[in-house]
Amino acid sequence: MPAKKVSFGKKPAPEEPQGDRLNEWVAHRERQESAEQPHLDQPEKMKRLTLDIPEPLHRAIKRKAVDEGVTMVELLRSLLEQHFDASS
């Protein structure tokens, strides 16, 4: 069986640099955006937590979340916040 030939198109030409205007925008973008928008409450930073739990416990959490009409994440986050009083 003959080898399959793969051909690549011509390398695209580099775009024309826009010079100092582009560099200035990148450097001062955050300042410009904050001046354009009123200061809104920033969403709280989140950290990921991974747990290994037994299948029966997972099923029980999932069943409870479905019964309450929430996601598992919302249910667990609420329980953790209640237990650790994260509001303070």
PDB file of N, CA and C in Angstrom:
ATOM      1  N   MET A   1       0.843  -1.173   0.000  1.00  0.00           N
ATOM      2  CA  MET A   1       0.000   0.000   0.000  1.00  0.00           C
ATOM      3  C   MET A   1       0.896   1.246   0.000  1.00  0.00           C
ATOM      4  N   PRO A   2       0.656   2.154  -0.935  1.00  0.00           N
ATOM      5  CA  PRO A   2       1.501   3.359  -1.001  1.00  0.00           C
ATOM      6  C   PRO A   2       1.218   4.280   0.189  1.00  0.00           C
ATOM      7  N   ALA A   3       2.255   5.010   0.591  1.00  0.00           N
ATOM      8  CA  ALA A   3       2.129   5.950   1.714  1.00  0.00           C
ATOM      9  C   ALA A   3       1.250   7.125   1.306  1.00  0.00           C
ATOM     10  N   LYS A   4       0.478   7.608   2.233  1.00  0.00           N
ATOM     11  CA  LYS A   4      -0.392   8.743   1.981  1.00  0.00           C
ATOM     12  C   LYS A   4       0.437  10.020   1.965  1.00  0.00           C
ATOM     13  N   LYS A   5       0.213  10.845   0.941  1.00  0.00           N
ATOM     14  CA  LYS A   5       0.938  12.105   0.847  1.00  0.00           C
ATOM     15  C   LYS A   5       0.112  13.219   1.488  1.00  0.00           C
ATOM     16  N   VAL A   6       0.779  13.992   2.295  1.00  0.00           N
ATOM     17  CA  VAL A   6       0.143  15.139   2.932  1.00  0.00           C
ATOM     18  C   VAL A   6       0.882  16.380   2.482  1.00  0.00           C
ATOM     19  N   SER A   7       0.117  17.332   1.966  1.00  0.00           N
ATOM     20  CA  SER A   7       0.768  18.572   1.535  1.00  0.00           C
ATOM     21  C   SER A   7       0.263  19.721   2.396  1.00  0.00           C
ATOM     22  N   PHE A   8       1.146  20.634   2.638  1.00  0.00           N
ATOM     23  CA  PHE A   8       0.814  21.794   3.437  1.00  0.00           C
ATOM     24  C   PHE A   8       0.802  23.007   2.533  1.00  0.00           C
ATOM     25  N   GLY A   9      -0.101  23.932   2.839  1.00  0.00           N
ATOM     26  CA  GLY A   9      -0.173  25.166   2.070  1.00  0.00           C
ATOM     27  C   GLY A   9       1.010  26.063   2.372  1.00  0.00           C
ATOM     28  N   LYS A  10       1.032  27.163   1.677  1.00  0.00           N
ATOM     29  CA  LYS A  10       2.094  28.134   1.845  1.00  0.00           C
ATOM     30  C   LYS A  10       2.009  28.795   3.220  1.00  0.00           C
ATOM     31  N   LYS A  11       3.142  29.085   3.813  1.00  0.00           N
ATOM     32  CA  LYS A  11       3.194  29.755   5.109  1.00  0.00           C
ATOM     33  C   LYS A  11       2.590  31.150   4.972  1.00  0.00           C
ATOM     34  N   PRO A  12       1.657  31.510   5.875  1.00  0.00           N
ATOM     35  CA  PRO A  12       1.053  32.841   5.764  1.00  0.00           C
ATOM     36  C   PRO A  12       2.074  33.939   6.016  1.00  0.00           C
ATOM     37  N   ALA A  13       1.883  35.032   5.325  1.00  0.00           N
ATOM     38  CA  ALA A  13       2.774  36.176   5.496  1.00  0.00           C
ATOM     39  C   ALA A  13       2.529  36.801   6.861  1.00  0.00           C
ATOM     40  N   PRO A  14       3.573  37.270   7.528  1.00  0.00           N
ATOM     41  CA  PRO A  14       3.378  37.906   8.846  1.00  0.00           C
ATOM     42  C   PRO A  14       2.568  39.186   8.688  1.00  0.00           C
ATOM     43  N   GLU A  15       1.728  39.426   9.690  1.00  0.00           N
ATOM     44  CA  GLU A  15       0.908  40.641   9.652  1.00  0.00           C
ATOM     45  C   GLU A  15       1.770  41.851   9.968  1.00  0.00           C
ATOM     46  N   GLU A  16       1.337  42.959   9.473  1.00  0.00           N
ATOM     47  CA  GLU A  16       2.026  44.220   9.726  1.00  0.00           C
ATOM     48  C   GLU A  16       1.865  44.598  11.205  1.00  0.00           C
ATOM     49  N   PRO A  17       2.922  44.873  11.908  1.00  0.00           N
ATOM     50  CA  PRO A  17       2.774  45.307  13.303  1.00  0.00           C
ATOM     51  C   PRO A  17       2.109  46.676  13.360  1.00  0.00           C
ATOM     52  N   GLN A  18       1.272  46.876  14.370  1.00  0.00           N
ATOM     53  CA  GLN A  18       0.577  48.152  14.496  1.00  0.00           C
ATOM     54  C   GLN A  18       1.354  49.133  15.360  1.00  0.00           C
ATOM     55  N   GLY A  19       2.508  48.731  15.763  1.00  0.00           N
ATOM     56  CA  GLY A  19       3.399  49.665  16.440  1.00  0.00           C
ATOM     57  C   GLY A  19       3.041  49.970  17.867  1.00  0.00           C
ATOM     58  N   ASP A  20       3.376  51.193  18.262  1.00  0.00           N
ATOM     59  CA  ASP A  20       3.257  51.612  19.652  1.00  0.00           C
ATOM     60  C   ASP A  20       1.821  51.641  20.146  1.00  0.00           C
ATOM     61  N   ARG A  21       0.863  51.906  19.251  1.00  0.00           N
ATOM     62  CA  ARG A  21      -0.537  51.972  19.667  1.00  0.00           C
ATOM     63  C   ARG A  21      -0.983  50.657  20.292  1.00  0.00           C
ATOM     64  N   LEU A  22      -0.625  49.554  19.655  1.00  0.00           N
ATOM     65  CA  LEU A  22      -0.998  48.243  20.159  1.00  0.00           C
ATOM     66  C   LEU A  22      -0.312  47.959  21.485  1.00  0.00           C
ATOM     67  N   ASN A  23       0.971  48.233  21.566  1.00  0.00           N
ATOM     68  CA  ASN A  23       1.710  47.995  22.813  1.00  0.00           C
ATOM     69  C   ASN A  23       1.163  48.831  23.958  1.00  0.00           C
ATOM     70  N   GLU A  24       0.797  50.062  23.680  1.00  0.00           N
ATOM     71  CA  GLU A  24       0.248  50.936  24.719  1.00  0.00           C
ATOM     72  C   GLU A  24      -1.106  50.415  25.194  1.00  0.00           C
ATOM     73  N   TRP A  25      -1.924  49.956  24.262  1.00  0.00           N
ATOM     74  CA  TRP A  25      -3.232  49.420  24.638  1.00  0.00           C
ATOM     75  C   TRP A  25      -3.068  48.216  25.565  1.00  0.00           C
ATOM     76  N   VAL A  26      -2.162  47.311  25.222  1.00  0.00           N
ATOM     77  CA  VAL A  26      -1.929  46.125  26.046  1.00  0.00           C
ATOM     78  C   VAL A  26      -1.447  46.532  27.432  1.00  0.00           C
ATOM     79  N   ALA A  27      -0.539  47.475  27.503  1.00  0.00           N
ATOM     80  CA  ALA A  27       0.036  47.882  28.782  1.00  0.00           C
ATOM     81  C   ALA A  27      -0.987  48.575  29.682  1.00  0.00           C
ATOM     82  N   HIS A  28      -1.930  49.310  29.098  1.00  0.00           N
ATOM     83  CA  HIS A  28      -2.855  50.118  29.889  1.00  0.00           C
ATOM     84  C   HIS A  28      -4.299  49.640  29.800  1.00  0.00           C
ATOM     85  N   ARG A  29      -4.517  48.438  29.317  1.00  0.00           N
ATOM     86  CA  ARG A  29      -5.861  47.917  29.100  1.00  0.00           C
ATOM     87  C   ARG A  29      -6.672  47.872  30.381  1.00  0.00           C
ATOM     88  N   GLU A  30      -6.115  47.362  31.473  1.00  0.00           N
ATOM     89  CA  GLU A  30      -6.875  47.242  32.711  1.00  0.00           C
ATOM     90  C   GLU A  30      -7.301  48.600  33.243  1.00  0.00           C
ATOM     91  N   ARG A  31      -6.418  49.562  33.153  1.00  0.00           N
ATOM     92  CA  ARG A  31      -6.756  50.907  33.631  1.00  0.00           C
ATOM     93  C   ARG A  31      -7.886  51.497  32.798  1.00  0.00           C
ATOM     94  N   GLN A  32      -7.854  51.292  31.486  1.00  0.00           N
ATOM     95  CA  GLN A  32      -8.901  51.808  30.614  1.00  0.00           C
ATOM     96  C   GLN A  32     -10.230  51.124  30.889  1.00  0.00           C
ATOM     97  N   GLU A  33     -10.207  49.805  31.074  1.00  0.00           N
ATOM     98  CA  GLU A  33     -11.443  49.079  31.327  1.00  0.00           C
ATOM     99  C   GLU A  33     -12.064  49.500  32.656  1.00  0.00           C
ATOM    100  N   SER A  34     -11.254  49.685  33.683  1.00  0.00           N
ATOM    101  CA  SER A  34     -11.806  50.062  34.981  1.00  0.00           C
ATOM    102  C   SER A  34     -12.359  51.483  34.939  1.00  0.00           C
ATOM    103  N   ALA A  35     -11.794  52.352  34.130  1.00  0.00           N
ATOM    104  CA  ALA A  35     -12.304  53.713  34.009  1.00  0.00           C
ATOM    105  C   ALA A  35     -13.626  53.730  33.256  1.00  0.00           C
ATOM    106  N   GLU A  36     -13.804  52.791  32.331  1.00  0.00           N
ATOM    107  CA  GLU A  36     -15.025  52.745  31.530  1.00  0.00           C
ATOM    108  C   GLU A  36     -16.183  52.133  32.303  1.00  0.00           C
ATOM    109  N   GLN A  37     -15.910  51.225  33.229  1.00  0.00           N
ATOM    110  CA  GLN A  37     -16.962  50.532  33.964  1.00  0.00           C
ATOM    111  C   GLN A  37     -16.927  50.953  35.423  1.00  0.00           C
ATOM    112  N   PRO A  38     -18.122  51.112  36.014  1.00  0.00           N
ATOM    113  CA  PRO A  38     -18.132  51.392  37.447  1.00  0.00           C
ATOM    114  C   PRO A  38     -17.625  50.171  38.200  1.00  0.00           C
ATOM    115  N   HIS A  39     -17.086  50.408  39.386  1.00  0.00           N
ATOM    116  CA  HIS A  39     -16.551  49.304  40.176  1.00  0.00           C
ATOM    117  C   HIS A  39     -17.696  48.419  40.649  1.00  0.00           C
ATOM    118  N   LEU A  40     -17.722  47.211  40.147  1.00  0.00           N
ATOM    119  CA  LEU A  40     -18.714  46.228  40.550  1.00  0.00           C
ATOM    120  C   LEU A  40     -18.060  45.276  41.526  1.00  0.00           C
ATOM    121  N   ASP A  41     -18.883  44.641  42.335  1.00  0.00           N
ATOM    122  CA  ASP A  41     -18.334  43.639  43.247  1.00  0.00           C
ATOM    123  C   ASP A  41     -17.689  42.541  42.425  1.00  0.00           C
ATOM    124  N   GLN A  42     -16.438  42.292  42.706  1.00  0.00           N
ATOM    125  CA  GLN A  42     -15.713  41.244  41.994  1.00  0.00           C
ATOM    126  C   GLN A  42     -16.178  39.893  42.518  1.00  0.00           C
ATOM    127  N   PRO A  43     -16.375  38.917  41.626  1.00  0.00           N
ATOM    128  CA  PRO A  43     -16.760  37.593  42.109  1.00  0.00           C
ATOM    129  C   PRO A  43     -15.659  37.002  42.981  1.00  0.00           C
ATOM    130  N   GLU A  44     -16.071  36.258  43.961  1.00  0.00           N
ATOM    131  CA  GLU A  44     -15.122  35.655  44.882  1.00  0.00           C
ATOM    132  C   GLU A  44     -14.261  34.638  44.147  1.00  0.00           C
ATOM    133  N   LYS A  45     -12.964  34.660  44.406  1.00  0.00           N
ATOM    134  CA  LYS A  45     -12.061  33.689  43.785  1.00  0.00           C
ATOM    135  C   LYS A  45     -12.396  32.300  44.288  1.00  0.00           C
ATOM    136  N   MET A  46     -12.329  31.339  43.400  1.00  0.00           N
ATOM    137  CA  MET A  46     -12.633  29.960  43.752  1.00  0.00           C
ATOM    138  C   MET A  46     -11.368  29.117  43.695  1.00  0.00           C
ATOM    139  N   LYS A  47     -11.314  28.100  44.520  1.00  0.00           N
ATOM    140  CA  LYS A  47     -10.249  27.102  44.515  1.00  0.00           C
ATOM    141  C   LYS A  47     -10.902  25.742  44.312  1.00  0.00           C
ATOM    142  N   ARG A  48     -10.243  24.868  43.575  1.00  0.00           N
ATOM    143  CA  ARG A  48     -10.784  23.539  43.307  1.00  0.00           C
ATOM    144  C   ARG A  48     -10.378  22.574  44.411  1.00  0.00           C
ATOM    145  N   LEU A  49     -11.340  21.719  44.802  1.00  0.00           N
ATOM    146  CA  LEU A  49     -11.114  20.707  45.813  1.00  0.00           C
ATOM    147  C   LEU A  49     -11.563  19.369  45.235  1.00  0.00           C
ATOM    148  N   THR A  50     -10.680  18.392  45.248  1.00  0.00           N
ATOM    149  CA  THR A  50     -11.004  17.070  44.712  1.00  0.00           C
ATOM    150  C   THR A  50     -11.039  16.074  45.858  1.00  0.00           C
ATOM    151  N   LEU A  51     -12.132  15.320  45.926  1.00  0.00           N
ATOM    152  CA  LEU A  51     -12.294  14.337  46.983  1.00  0.00           C
ATOM    153  C   LEU A  51     -12.567  12.966  46.390  1.00  0.00           C
ATOM    154  N   ASP A  52     -12.021  11.940  46.995  1.00  0.00           N
ATOM    155  CA  ASP A  52     -12.376  10.565  46.657  1.00  0.00           C
ATOM    156  C   ASP A  52     -13.341  10.095  47.732  1.00  0.00           C
ATOM    157  N   ILE A  53     -14.565   9.753  47.306  1.00  0.00           N
ATOM    158  CA  ILE A  53     -15.568   9.295  48.261  1.00  0.00           C
ATOM    159  C   ILE A  53     -16.148   7.972  47.777  1.00  0.00           C
ATOM    160  N   PRO A  54     -16.677   7.171  48.694  1.00  0.00           N
ATOM    161  CA  PRO A  54     -17.284   5.898  48.296  1.00  0.00           C
ATOM    162  C   PRO A  54     -18.518   6.121  47.415  1.00  0.00           C
ATOM    163  N   GLU A  55     -18.770   5.181  46.520  1.00  0.00           N
ATOM    164  CA  GLU A  55     -19.918   5.300  45.604  1.00  0.00           C
ATOM    165  C   GLU A  55     -21.247   5.482  46.332  1.00  0.00           C
ATOM    166  N   PRO A  56     -21.509   4.745  47.397  1.00  0.00           N
ATOM    167  CA  PRO A  56     -22.803   4.953  48.074  1.00  0.00           C
ATOM    168  C   PRO A  56     -22.978   6.387  48.589  1.00  0.00           C
ATOM    169  N   LEU A  57     -21.905   6.983  49.087  1.00  0.00           N
ATOM    170  CA  LEU A  57     -21.974   8.367  49.553  1.00  0.00           C
ATOM    171  C   LEU A  57     -22.219   9.305  48.374  1.00  0.00           C
ATOM    172  N   HIS A  58     -21.574   9.062  47.267  1.00  0.00           N
ATOM    173  CA  HIS A  58     -21.771   9.875  46.066  1.00  0.00           C
ATOM    174  C   HIS A  58     -23.231   9.801  45.616  1.00  0.00           C
ATOM    175  N   ARG A  59     -23.784   8.589  45.605  1.00  0.00           N
ATOM    176  CA  ARG A  59     -25.190   8.426  45.187  1.00  0.00           C
ATOM    177  C   ARG A  59     -26.122   9.161  46.149  1.00  0.00           C
ATOM    178  N   ALA A  60     -25.835   9.097  47.444  1.00  0.00           N
ATOM    179  CA  ALA A  60     -26.677   9.771  48.428  1.00  0.00           C
ATOM    180  C   ALA A  60     -26.635  11.285  48.248  1.00  0.00           C
ATOM    181  N   ILE A  61     -25.452  11.822  47.992  1.00  0.00           N
ATOM    182  CA  ILE A  61     -25.316  13.271  47.762  1.00  0.00           C
ATOM    183  C   ILE A  61     -26.069  13.661  46.501  1.00  0.00           C
ATOM    184  N   LYS A  62     -25.911  12.874  45.453  1.00  0.00           N
ATOM    185  CA  LYS A  62     -26.576  13.171  44.185  1.00  0.00           C
ATOM    186  C   LYS A  62     -28.096  13.115  44.356  1.00  0.00           C
ATOM    187  N   ARG A  63     -28.587  12.094  45.057  1.00  0.00           N
ATOM    188  CA  ARG A  63     -30.035  11.947  45.281  1.00  0.00           C
ATOM    189  C   ARG A  63     -30.570  13.152  46.045  1.00  0.00           C
ATOM    190  N   LYS A  64     -29.854  13.578  47.091  1.00  0.00           N
ATOM    191  CA  LYS A  64     -30.277  14.732  47.899  1.00  0.00           C
ATOM    192  C   LYS A  64     -30.303  16.008  47.046  1.00  0.00           C
ATOM    193  N   ALA A  65     -29.282  16.177  46.202  1.00  0.00           N
ATOM    194  CA  ALA A  65     -29.227  17.357  45.334  1.00  0.00           C
ATOM    195  C   ALA A  65     -30.409  17.369  44.367  1.00  0.00           C
ATOM    196  N   VAL A  66     -30.727  16.218  43.779  1.00  0.00           N
ATOM    197  CA  VAL A  66     -31.862  16.133  42.855  1.00  0.00           C
ATOM    198  C   VAL A  66     -33.159  16.442  43.589  1.00  0.00           C
ATOM    199  N   ASP A  67     -33.320  15.873  44.792  1.00  0.00           N
ATOM    200  CA  ASP A  67     -34.532  16.125  45.587  1.00  0.00           C
ATOM    201  C   ASP A  67     -34.702  17.604  45.894  1.00  0.00           C
ATOM    202  N   GLU A  68     -33.595  18.304  46.129  1.00  0.00           N
ATOM    203  CA  GLU A  68     -33.651  19.730  46.461  1.00  0.00           C
ATOM    204  C   GLU A  68     -33.626  20.620  45.225  1.00  0.00           C
ATOM    205  N   GLY A  69     -33.402  20.035  44.051  1.00  0.00           N
ATOM    206  CA  GLY A  69     -33.389  20.815  42.818  1.00  0.00           C
ATOM    207  C   GLY A  69     -32.160  21.691  42.653  1.00  0.00           C
ATOM    208  N   VAL A  70     -31.043  21.235  43.206  1.00  0.00           N
ATOM    209  CA  VAL A  70     -29.786  21.976  43.086  1.00  0.00           C
ATOM    210  C   VAL A  70     -28.724  21.036  42.529  1.00  0.00           C
ATOM    211  N   THR A  71     -27.590  21.601  42.156  1.00  0.00           N
ATOM    212  CA  THR A  71     -26.476  20.769  41.707  1.00  0.00           C
ATOM    213  C   THR A  71     -25.734  20.224  42.923  1.00  0.00           C
ATOM    214  N   MET A  72     -24.948  19.202  42.692  1.00  0.00           N
ATOM    215  CA  MET A  72     -24.149  18.638  43.780  1.00  0.00           C
ATOM    216  C   MET A  72     -23.187  19.684  44.329  1.00  0.00           C
ATOM    217  N   VAL A  73     -22.609  20.475  43.450  1.00  0.00           N
ATOM    218  CA  VAL A  73     -21.669  21.515  43.881  1.00  0.00           C
ATOM    219  C   VAL A  73     -22.365  22.515  44.794  1.00  0.00           C
ATOM    220  N   GLU A  74     -23.558  22.948  44.397  1.00  0.00           N
ATOM    221  CA  GLU A  74     -24.283  23.917  45.222  1.00  0.00           C
ATOM    222  C   GLU A  74     -24.618  23.319  46.590  1.00  0.00           C
ATOM    223  N   LEU A  75     -25.060  22.059  46.606  1.00  0.00           N
ATOM    224  CA  LEU A  75     -25.391  21.395  47.860  1.00  0.00           C
ATOM    225  C   LEU A  75     -24.164  21.272  48.761  1.00  0.00           C
ATOM    226  N   LEU A  76     -23.066  20.771  48.211  1.00  0.00           N
ATOM    227  CA  LEU A  76     -21.862  20.583  49.013  1.00  0.00           C
ATOM    228  C   LEU A  76     -21.265  21.907  49.473  1.00  0.00           C
ATOM    229  N   ARG A  77     -21.281  22.904  48.605  1.00  0.00           N
ATOM    230  CA  ARG A  77     -20.747  24.210  48.987  1.00  0.00           C
ATOM    231  C   ARG A  77     -21.557  24.778  50.155  1.00  0.00           C
ATOM    232  N   SER A  78     -22.870  24.641  50.078  1.00  0.00           N
ATOM    233  CA  SER A  78     -23.729  25.137  51.152  1.00  0.00           C
ATOM    234  C   SER A  78     -23.439  24.412  52.466  1.00  0.00           C
ATOM    235  N   LEU A  79     -23.303  23.092  52.400  1.00  0.00           N
ATOM    236  CA  LEU A  79     -23.000  22.326  53.615  1.00  0.00           C
ATOM    237  C   LEU A  79     -21.655  22.717  54.205  1.00  0.00           C
ATOM    238  N   LEU A  80     -20.661  22.886  53.353  1.00  0.00           N
ATOM    239  CA  LEU A  80     -19.333  23.271  53.836  1.00  0.00           C
ATOM    240  C   LEU A  80     -19.356  24.671  54.452  1.00  0.00           C
ATOM    241  N   GLU A  81     -20.078  25.587  53.812  1.00  0.00           N
ATOM    242  CA  GLU A  81     -20.167  26.946  54.352  1.00  0.00           C
ATOM    243  C   GLU A  81     -20.860  26.942  55.713  1.00  0.00           C
ATOM    244  N   GLN A  82     -21.912  26.134  55.855  1.00  0.00           N
ATOM    245  CA  GLN A  82     -22.606  26.051  57.149  1.00  0.00           C
ATOM    246  C   GLN A  82     -21.672  25.480  58.214  1.00  0.00           C
ATOM    247  N   HIS A  83     -20.958  24.446  57.867  1.00  0.00           N
ATOM    248  CA  HIS A  83     -20.092  23.774  58.842  1.00  0.00           C
ATOM    249  C   HIS A  83     -18.913  24.658  59.264  1.00  0.00           C
ATOM    250  N   PHE A  84     -18.324  25.329  58.301  1.00  0.00           N
ATOM    251  CA  PHE A  84     -17.124  26.125  58.592  1.00  0.00           C
ATOM    252  C   PHE A  84     -17.410  27.607  58.762  1.00  0.00           C
ATOM    253  N   ASP A  85     -18.670  28.001  58.679  1.00  0.00           N
ATOM    254  CA  ASP A  85     -19.062  29.401  58.828  1.00  0.00           C
ATOM    255  C   ASP A  85     -18.172  30.311  57.995  1.00  0.00           C
ATOM    256  N   ALA A  86     -18.161  30.051  56.684  1.00  0.00           N
ATOM    257  CA  ALA A  86     -17.264  30.749  55.758  1.00  0.00           C
ATOM    258  C   ALA A  86     -17.649  32.202  55.540  1.00  0.00           C
ATOM    259  N   SER A  87     -18.782  32.643  56.044  1.00  0.00           N
ATOM    260  CA  SER A  87     -19.199  34.027  55.808  1.00  0.00           C
ATOM    261  C   SER A  87     -18.361  35.041  56.579  1.00  0.00           C
ATOM    262  N   SER A  88     -17.642  34.588  57.604  1.00  0.00           N
ATOM    263  CA  SER A  88     -16.844  35.543  58.400  1.00  0.00           C
ATOM    264  C   SER A  88     -15.441  35.651  57.935  1.00  0.00           C
TER     265      SER A  88
END
